Amino acid sequence: MPVSIQLLSRFPLLQPLDREALEPLSRAMSLKEFARRGVVIAKENTLMDLGFLVEGRLQGVDFTVDGRSVGLYFVDPGDYFGELPLVDGKPSAEHVVAAVKSVVAFLDARAARDLILNNPALAQAVMARLAQRVRDGLAQRTLLSLPNPFQRLCALLLQLPSVVVQGVVTIEQAPTHQELAIMINSSRETVTRAFQVFFTHRILVRDGNALRLDKQALLQDIAQGRADPPKA
């Protein structure tokens, strides 16, 4: 079933394209729903379609040798994923799973590759994304080297996408405790206890699904080892 051009125009990667360029893409795309924790792309999968998230939230994950999951990145609505195997022709390097019930639009691999190769602006955007993936991977490796989970959680909160409104930093769609736990190689219970401390000392303030970082400087000091975590 073709994906509507109106839907395609919501994806930032495709917004530079005119209607004439979007029409064949709509015929080469298909929608698929995934239940929470459903596997969208499995590691070592040779499927090279380019995915666009329509609804929900996805997370890239891998596993340690002892079977513990490690979170790598999030995919939010409007974003795309699966570009690495599309570019180098090799299987996926990680699993992509649905953090919540999600809807994904998949663009056929050949059409996606032709699209990128024939549009310099899109090719530049994909190269910038790949470079950001490398930077994020280096930041994640540094984060995991921190000595305790509280430090790692503070560092992760400072790395998550945020907006600044009247000088206040806000994470608009905060991950769940479980999602944060696998990003810092810890347990959900540890993250929950840390959040109780954050809220008690008003380091963080929850506003619906958003988190306000009311004491960003303290988070930075804890993450960098300049200050001890406050007592519960």
C-alpha atoms as a PDB file:
ATOM      1  CA  MET A   1       0.000   0.000   0.000  1.00  0.00           C
ATOM      2  CA  PRO A   2       1.563   3.339  -1.010  1.00  0.00           C
ATOM      3  CA  VAL A   3       2.442   5.845   1.689  1.00  0.00           C
ATOM      4  CA  SER A   4       0.785   9.215   1.160  1.00  0.00           C
ATOM      5  CA  ILE A   5       2.864  12.146  -0.023  1.00  0.00           C
ATOM      6  CA  GLN A   6       1.407  14.182   2.853  1.00  0.00           C
ATOM      7  CA  LEU A   7       2.964  11.711   5.288  1.00  0.00           C
ATOM      8  CA  LEU A   8       6.313  11.731   3.459  1.00  0.00           C
ATOM      9  CA  SER A   9       6.476  15.519   3.706  1.00  0.00           C
ATOM     10  CA  ARG A  10       6.568  15.175   7.507  1.00  0.00           C
ATOM     11  CA  PHE A  11      10.011  13.540   7.411  1.00  0.00           C
ATOM     12  CA  PRO A  12      12.761  16.192   7.605  1.00  0.00           C
ATOM     13  CA  LEU A  13      15.133  14.142   5.415  1.00  0.00           C
ATOM     14  CA  LEU A  14      12.616  14.210   2.544  1.00  0.00           C
ATOM     15  CA  GLN A  15      11.361  17.779   2.898  1.00  0.00           C
ATOM     16  CA  PRO A  16      13.797  19.207   0.297  1.00  0.00           C
ATOM     17  CA  LEU A  17      12.160  17.008  -2.361  1.00  0.00           C
ATOM     18  CA  ASP A  18       9.353  18.272  -4.587  1.00  0.00           C
ATOM     19  CA  ARG A  19       6.129  16.387  -5.264  1.00  0.00           C
ATOM     20  CA  GLU A  20       7.485  14.902  -8.485  1.00  0.00           C
ATOM     21  CA  ALA A  21      10.339  13.286  -6.565  1.00  0.00           C
ATOM     22  CA  LEU A  22       8.084  12.140  -3.722  1.00  0.00           C
ATOM     23  CA  GLU A  23       5.546  10.333  -5.897  1.00  0.00           C
ATOM     24  CA  PRO A  24       7.755   7.335  -6.808  1.00  0.00           C
ATOM     25  CA  LEU A  25       8.923   7.138  -3.193  1.00  0.00           C
ATOM     26  CA  SER A  26       5.348   6.850  -1.977  1.00  0.00           C
ATOM     27  CA  ARG A  27       4.878   3.788  -4.201  1.00  0.00           C
ATOM     28  CA  ALA A  28       8.139   2.228  -2.961  1.00  0.00           C
ATOM     29  CA  MET A  29       7.252   2.567   0.729  1.00  0.00           C
ATOM     30  CA  SER A  30       5.141   0.461   3.049  1.00  0.00           C
ATOM     31  CA  LEU A  31       3.826   0.911   6.587  1.00  0.00           C
ATOM     32  CA  LYS A  32       4.282  -1.634   9.354  1.00  0.00           C
ATOM     33  CA  GLU A  33       3.158  -1.646  12.990  1.00  0.00           C
ATOM     34  CA  PHE A  34       5.249  -2.989  15.869  1.00  0.00           C
ATOM     35  CA  ALA A  35       4.134  -3.851  19.384  1.00  0.00           C
ATOM     36  CA  ARG A  36       6.140  -2.605  22.374  1.00  0.00           C
ATOM     37  CA  ARG A  37       9.526  -4.419  22.507  1.00  0.00           C
ATOM     38  CA  GLY A  38       8.933  -5.745  19.004  1.00  0.00           C
ATOM     39  CA  VAL A  39      12.074  -6.157  16.888  1.00  0.00           C
ATOM     40  CA  VAL A  40      12.063  -3.688  14.003  1.00  0.00           C
ATOM     41  CA  ILE A  41      15.515  -4.642  12.681  1.00  0.00           C
ATOM     42  CA  ALA A  42      17.508  -7.573  14.047  1.00  0.00           C
ATOM     43  CA  LYS A  43      21.283  -7.467  14.355  1.00  0.00           C
ATOM     44  CA  GLU A  44      22.987  -9.202  11.428  1.00  0.00           C
ATOM     45  CA  ASN A  45      19.813  -8.748   9.381  1.00  0.00           C
ATOM     46  CA  THR A  46      20.685  -8.195   5.730  1.00  0.00           C
ATOM     47  CA  LEU A  47      17.496  -6.165   5.123  1.00  0.00           C
ATOM     48  CA  MET A  48      18.676  -2.766   3.915  1.00  0.00           C
ATOM     49  CA  ASP A  49      15.428  -0.831   3.651  1.00  0.00           C
ATOM     50  CA  LEU A  50      15.521   2.684   5.068  1.00  0.00           C
ATOM     51  CA  GLY A  51      13.089   3.155   7.944  1.00  0.00           C
ATOM     52  CA  PHE A  52      11.175   6.303   8.907  1.00  0.00           C
ATOM     53  CA  LEU A  53       9.383   6.453  12.233  1.00  0.00           C
ATOM     54  CA  VAL A  54       5.791   7.636  11.874  1.00  0.00           C
ATOM     55  CA  GLU A  55       4.531   7.087  15.427  1.00  0.00           C
ATOM     56  CA  GLY A  56       6.008   5.816  18.675  1.00  0.00           C
ATOM     57  CA  ARG A  57       9.632   5.512  19.691  1.00  0.00           C
ATOM     58  CA  LEU A  58      12.435   3.117  18.788  1.00  0.00           C
ATOM     59  CA  GLN A  59      15.705   2.285  20.491  1.00  0.00           C
ATOM     60  CA  GLY A  60      18.930   0.885  19.074  1.00  0.00           C
ATOM     61  CA  VAL A  61      20.304  -1.794  21.411  1.00  0.00           C
ATOM     62  CA  ASP A  62      23.055  -4.382  21.575  1.00  0.00           C
ATOM     63  CA  PHE A  63      24.029  -7.028  24.108  1.00  0.00           C
ATOM     64  CA  THR A  64      27.152  -7.628  26.181  1.00  0.00           C
ATOM     65  CA  VAL A  65      28.842 -11.027  26.313  1.00  0.00           C
ATOM     66  CA  ASP A  66      26.957 -11.807  29.548  1.00  0.00           C
ATOM     67  CA  GLY A  67      23.611 -11.053  27.897  1.00  0.00           C
ATOM     68  CA  ARG A  68      22.918  -7.587  29.316  1.00  0.00           C
ATOM     69  CA  SER A  69      21.272  -5.137  26.946  1.00  0.00           C
ATOM     70  CA  VAL A  70      22.988  -1.818  26.249  1.00  0.00           C
ATOM     71  CA  GLY A  71      21.051   1.084  24.769  1.00  0.00           C
ATOM     72  CA  LEU A  72      22.775   2.950  21.939  1.00  0.00           C
ATOM     73  CA  TYR A  73      20.360   5.592  20.640  1.00  0.00           C
ATOM     74  CA  PHE A  74      16.690   6.560  20.302  1.00  0.00           C
ATOM     75  CA  VAL A  75      14.634   7.174  17.172  1.00  0.00           C
ATOM     76  CA  ASP A  76      11.755   9.642  17.516  1.00  0.00           C
ATOM     77  CA  PRO A  77       8.874  10.392  15.100  1.00  0.00           C
ATOM     78  CA  GLY A  78      10.051  11.949  11.861  1.00  0.00           C
ATOM     79  CA  ASP A  79      13.536  10.495  12.190  1.00  0.00           C
ATOM     80  CA  TYR A  80      15.036   7.743  10.036  1.00  0.00           C
ATOM     81  CA  PHE A  81      17.222   4.707  10.714  1.00  0.00           C
ATOM     82  CA  GLY A  82      18.938   1.839   8.927  1.00  0.00           C
ATOM     83  CA  GLU A  83      21.269   4.097   6.960  1.00  0.00           C
ATOM     84  CA  LEU A  84      24.484   2.262   7.887  1.00  0.00           C
ATOM     85  CA  PRO A  85      23.716  -1.084   6.184  1.00  0.00           C
ATOM     86  CA  LEU A  86      22.241   0.838   3.275  1.00  0.00           C
ATOM     87  CA  VAL A  87      25.536   2.710   2.796  1.00  0.00           C
ATOM     88  CA  ASP A  88      28.085  -0.076   3.322  1.00  0.00           C
ATOM     89  CA  GLY A  89      26.029  -3.090   2.209  1.00  0.00           C
ATOM     90  CA  LYS A  90      26.747  -5.009   5.416  1.00  0.00           C
ATOM     91  CA  PRO A  91      24.267  -6.423   7.955  1.00  0.00           C
ATOM     92  CA  SER A  92      22.900  -4.262  10.745  1.00  0.00           C
ATOM     93  CA  ALA A  93      25.350  -3.726  13.624  1.00  0.00           C
ATOM     94  CA  GLU A  94      22.629  -3.549  16.298  1.00  0.00           C
ATOM     95  CA  HIS A  95      19.011  -4.400  17.023  1.00  0.00           C
ATOM     96  CA  VAL A  96      16.345  -1.730  16.655  1.00  0.00           C
ATOM     97  CA  VAL A  97      13.337  -2.375  18.905  1.00  0.00           C
ATOM     98  CA  ALA A  98      10.078  -0.564  19.577  1.00  0.00           C
ATOM     99  CA  ALA A  99      10.215   1.183  22.943  1.00  0.00           C
ATOM    100  CA  VAL A 100       6.437   1.705  22.650  1.00  0.00           C
ATOM    101  CA  LYS A 101       3.844   0.660  20.084  1.00  0.00           C
ATOM    102  CA  SER A 102       5.176   2.152  16.853  1.00  0.00           C
ATOM    103  CA  VAL A 103       4.437   2.627  13.166  1.00  0.00           C
ATOM    104  CA  VAL A 104       7.310   2.593  10.685  1.00  0.00           C
ATOM    105  CA  ALA A 105       7.439   3.457   6.978  1.00  0.00           C
ATOM    106  CA  PHE A 106      10.037   1.418   5.099  1.00  0.00           C
ATOM    107  CA  LEU A 107      11.554   2.646   1.845  1.00  0.00           C
ATOM    108  CA  ASP A 108      12.764  -0.095  -0.493  1.00  0.00           C
ATOM    109  CA  ALA A 109      16.558  -0.418  -0.348  1.00  0.00           C
ATOM    110  CA  ARG A 110      17.174   0.178  -4.054  1.00  0.00           C
ATOM    111  CA  ALA A 111      14.941   3.239  -4.120  1.00  0.00           C
ATOM    112  CA  ALA A 112      16.585   4.565  -0.945  1.00  0.00           C
ATOM    113  CA  ARG A 113      20.089   4.091  -2.347  1.00  0.00           C
ATOM    114  CA  ASP A 114      19.190   5.767  -5.646  1.00  0.00           C
ATOM    115  CA  LEU A 115      17.559   8.611  -3.751  1.00  0.00           C
ATOM    116  CA  ILE A 116      20.688   9.302  -1.702  1.00  0.00           C
ATOM    117  CA  LEU A 117      23.130   8.932  -4.605  1.00  0.00           C
ATOM    118  CA  ASN A 118      21.127  11.253  -6.862  1.00  0.00           C
ATOM    119  CA  ASN A 119      20.484  14.015  -4.307  1.00  0.00           C
ATOM    120  CA  PRO A 120      23.630  15.697  -2.958  1.00  0.00           C
ATOM    121  CA  ALA A 121      21.713  17.490  -0.192  1.00  0.00           C
ATOM    122  CA  LEU A 122      20.299  14.192   1.082  1.00  0.00           C
ATOM    123  CA  ALA A 123      23.700  12.516   0.762  1.00  0.00           C
ATOM    124  CA  GLN A 124      25.202  15.305   2.862  1.00  0.00           C
ATOM    125  CA  ALA A 125      22.474  14.854   5.479  1.00  0.00           C
ATOM    126  CA  VAL A 126      23.111  11.111   5.678  1.00  0.00           C
ATOM    127  CA  MET A 127      26.873  11.659   5.971  1.00  0.00           C
ATOM    128  CA  ALA A 128      26.266  14.135   8.777  1.00  0.00           C
ATOM    129  CA  ARG A 129      24.040  11.563  10.498  1.00  0.00           C
ATOM    130  CA  LEU A 130      26.724   8.879  10.227  1.00  0.00           C
ATOM    131  CA  ALA A 131      29.298  11.279  11.657  1.00  0.00           C
ATOM    132  CA  GLN A 132      26.934  12.038  14.539  1.00  0.00           C
ATOM    133  CA  ARG A 133      26.522   8.309  15.167  1.00  0.00           C
ATOM    134  CA  VAL A 134      30.308   8.052  15.552  1.00  0.00           C
ATOM    135  CA  ARG A 135      30.368  10.986  17.960  1.00  0.00           C
ATOM    136  CA  ASP A 136      27.466   9.543  19.944  1.00  0.00           C
ATOM    137  CA  GLY A 137      29.249   6.200  20.127  1.00  0.00           C
ATOM    138  CA  LEU A 138      32.372   7.845  21.517  1.00  0.00           C
ATOM    139  CA  ALA A 139      30.298   9.766  24.059  1.00  0.00           C
ATOM    140  CA  GLN A 140      28.522   6.551  25.075  1.00  0.00           C
ATOM    141  CA  ARG A 141      31.837   4.760  25.550  1.00  0.00           C
ATOM    142  CA  THR A 142      33.059   7.610  27.754  1.00  0.00           C
ATOM    143  CA  LEU A 143      29.794   7.560  29.712  1.00  0.00           C
ATOM    144  CA  LEU A 144      30.059   3.829  30.402  1.00  0.00           C
ATOM    145  CA  SER A 145      33.579   4.327  31.766  1.00  0.00           C
ATOM    146  CA  LEU A 146      32.271   6.494  34.628  1.00  0.00           C
ATOM    147  CA  PRO A 147      32.671   4.703  37.970  1.00  0.00           C
ATOM    148  CA  ASN A 148      29.089   4.601  39.283  1.00  0.00           C
ATOM    149  CA  PRO A 149      25.532   4.509  37.901  1.00  0.00           C
ATOM    150  CA  PHE A 150      24.546   7.866  39.436  1.00  0.00           C
ATOM    151  CA  GLN A 151      27.338   9.620  37.544  1.00  0.00           C
ATOM    152  CA  ARG A 152      26.454   7.790  34.344  1.00  0.00           C
ATOM    153  CA  LEU A 153      22.789   8.759  34.672  1.00  0.00           C
ATOM    154  CA  CYS A 154      23.659  12.437  35.207  1.00  0.00           C
ATOM    155  CA  ALA A 155      25.906  12.377  32.139  1.00  0.00           C
ATOM    156  CA  LEU A 156      23.214  10.707  30.038  1.00  0.00           C
ATOM    157  CA  LEU A 157      20.532  13.218  31.045  1.00  0.00           C
ATOM    158  CA  LEU A 158      22.843  16.014  29.911  1.00  0.00           C
ATOM    159  CA  GLN A 159      23.348  14.283  26.534  1.00  0.00           C
ATOM    160  CA  LEU A 160      19.679  13.696  25.718  1.00  0.00           C
ATOM    161  CA  PRO A 161      18.003  16.022  23.178  1.00  0.00           C
ATOM    162  CA  SER A 162      16.549  19.033  24.947  1.00  0.00           C
ATOM    163  CA  VAL A 163      15.128  22.508  24.449  1.00  0.00           C
ATOM    164  CA  VAL A 164      15.830  25.694  26.379  1.00  0.00           C
ATOM    165  CA  VAL A 165      12.873  27.877  27.298  1.00  0.00           C
ATOM    166  CA  GLN A 166      13.520  31.024  29.336  1.00  0.00           C
ATOM    167  CA  GLY A 167      16.832  29.615  30.463  1.00  0.00           C
ATOM    168  CA  VAL A 168      15.395  26.283  31.641  1.00  0.00           C
ATOM    169  CA  VAL A 169      16.614  23.079  29.971  1.00  0.00           C
ATOM    170  CA  THR A 170      13.801  20.594  29.282  1.00  0.00           C
ATOM    171  CA  ILE A 171      13.875  17.037  27.931  1.00  0.00           C
ATOM    172  CA  GLU A 172      10.503  17.018  26.174  1.00  0.00           C
ATOM    173  CA  GLN A 173      10.036  13.268  25.683  1.00  0.00           C
ATOM    174  CA  ALA A 174      11.920  11.718  28.565  1.00  0.00           C
ATOM    175  CA  PRO A 175      12.836   8.022  28.209  1.00  0.00           C
ATOM    176  CA  THR A 176      11.447   5.516  30.687  1.00  0.00           C
ATOM    177  CA  HIS A 177      13.524   4.307  33.626  1.00  0.00           C
ATOM    178  CA  GLN A 178      14.080   0.995  31.834  1.00  0.00           C
ATOM    179  CA  GLU A 179      15.289   2.739  28.668  1.00  0.00           C
ATOM    180  CA  LEU A 180      17.682   4.883  30.688  1.00  0.00           C
ATOM    181  CA  ALA A 181      18.902   1.854  32.625  1.00  0.00           C
ATOM    182  CA  ILE A 182      20.072   0.004  29.533  1.00  0.00           C
ATOM    183  CA  MET A 183      21.773   3.153  28.261  1.00  0.00           C
ATOM    184  CA  ILE A 184      23.944   3.313  31.406  1.00  0.00           C
ATOM    185  CA  ASN A 185      24.350  -0.470  31.864  1.00  0.00           C
ATOM    186  CA  SER A 186      22.440  -0.503  35.149  1.00  0.00           C
ATOM    187  CA  SER A 187      19.112  -1.728  36.552  1.00  0.00           C
ATOM    188  CA  ARG A 188      15.727  -0.045  36.381  1.00  0.00           C
ATOM    189  CA  GLU A 189      15.561  -0.093  40.181  1.00  0.00           C
ATOM    190  CA  THR A 190      18.818   1.854  40.407  1.00  0.00           C
ATOM    191  CA  VAL A 191      17.507   4.489  38.011  1.00  0.00           C
ATOM    192  CA  THR A 192      14.225   4.740  39.940  1.00  0.00           C
ATOM    193  CA  ARG A 193      16.093   5.316  43.218  1.00  0.00           C
ATOM    194  CA  ALA A 194      18.248   7.967  41.558  1.00  0.00           C
ATOM    195  CA  PHE A 195      15.162   9.773  40.251  1.00  0.00           C
ATOM    196  CA  GLN A 196      13.668   9.799  43.729  1.00  0.00           C
ATOM    197  CA  VAL A 197      16.793  11.645  44.872  1.00  0.00           C
ATOM    198  CA  PHE A 198      16.596  14.008  41.879  1.00  0.00           C
ATOM    199  CA  PHE A 199      12.975  14.886  42.650  1.00  0.00           C
ATOM    200  CA  THR A 200      13.513  15.221  46.411  1.00  0.00           C
ATOM    201  CA  HIS A 201      16.302  17.748  45.873  1.00  0.00           C
ATOM    202  CA  ARG A 202      14.510  19.387  42.906  1.00  0.00           C
ATOM    203  CA  ILE A 203      17.415  18.652  40.603  1.00  0.00           C
ATOM    204  CA  LEU A 204      14.758  17.454  38.154  1.00  0.00           C
ATOM    205  CA  VAL A 205      11.086  18.383  37.946  1.00  0.00           C
ATOM    206  CA  ARG A 206       8.634  16.223  36.031  1.00  0.00           C
ATOM    207  CA  ASP A 207       6.071  17.966  33.847  1.00  0.00           C
ATOM    208  CA  GLY A 208       3.940  15.297  32.173  1.00  0.00           C
ATOM    209  CA  ASN A 209       6.272  13.387  29.843  1.00  0.00           C
ATOM    210  CA  ALA A 210       8.889  16.124  30.085  1.00  0.00           C
ATOM    211  CA  LEU A 211      11.738  16.588  32.568  1.00  0.00           C
ATOM    212  CA  ARG A 212      13.024  20.012  33.597  1.00  0.00           C
ATOM    213  CA  LEU A 213      16.694  20.134  34.552  1.00  0.00           C
ATOM    214  CA  ASP A 214      16.359  22.775  37.257  1.00  0.00           C
ATOM    215  CA  LYS A 215      19.892  22.260  38.558  1.00  0.00           C
ATOM    216  CA  GLN A 216      21.837  21.552  35.390  1.00  0.00           C
ATOM    217  CA  ALA A 217      25.122  22.762  36.883  1.00  0.00           C
ATOM    218  CA  LEU A 218      24.815  20.251  39.736  1.00  0.00           C
ATOM    219  CA  LEU A 219      24.148  17.447  37.253  1.00  0.00           C
ATOM    220  CA  GLN A 220      27.328  18.446  35.396  1.00  0.00           C
ATOM    221  CA  ASP A 221      29.346  18.535  38.620  1.00  0.00           C
ATOM    222  CA  ILE A 222      28.136  15.059  39.644  1.00  0.00           C
ATOM    223  CA  ALA A 223      28.742  13.623  36.164  1.00  0.00           C
ATOM    224  CA  GLN A 224      32.309  14.980  36.142  1.00  0.00           C
ATOM    225  CA  GLY A 225      33.069  13.892  39.699  1.00  0.00           C
ATOM    226  CA  ARG A 226      33.326  17.413  41.114  1.00  0.00           C
ATOM    227  CA  ALA A 227      30.385  16.854  43.486  1.00  0.00           C
ATOM    228  CA  ASP A 228      28.967  13.871  45.351  1.00  0.00           C
ATOM    229  CA  PRO A 229      25.364  12.794  44.686  1.00  0.00           C
ATOM    230  CA  PRO A 230      22.970  14.181  47.314  1.00  0.00           C
ATOM    231  CA  LYS A 231      21.719  11.825  49.992  1.00  0.00           C
ATOM    232  CA  ALA A 232      18.284  10.270  49.661  1.00  0.00           C
END
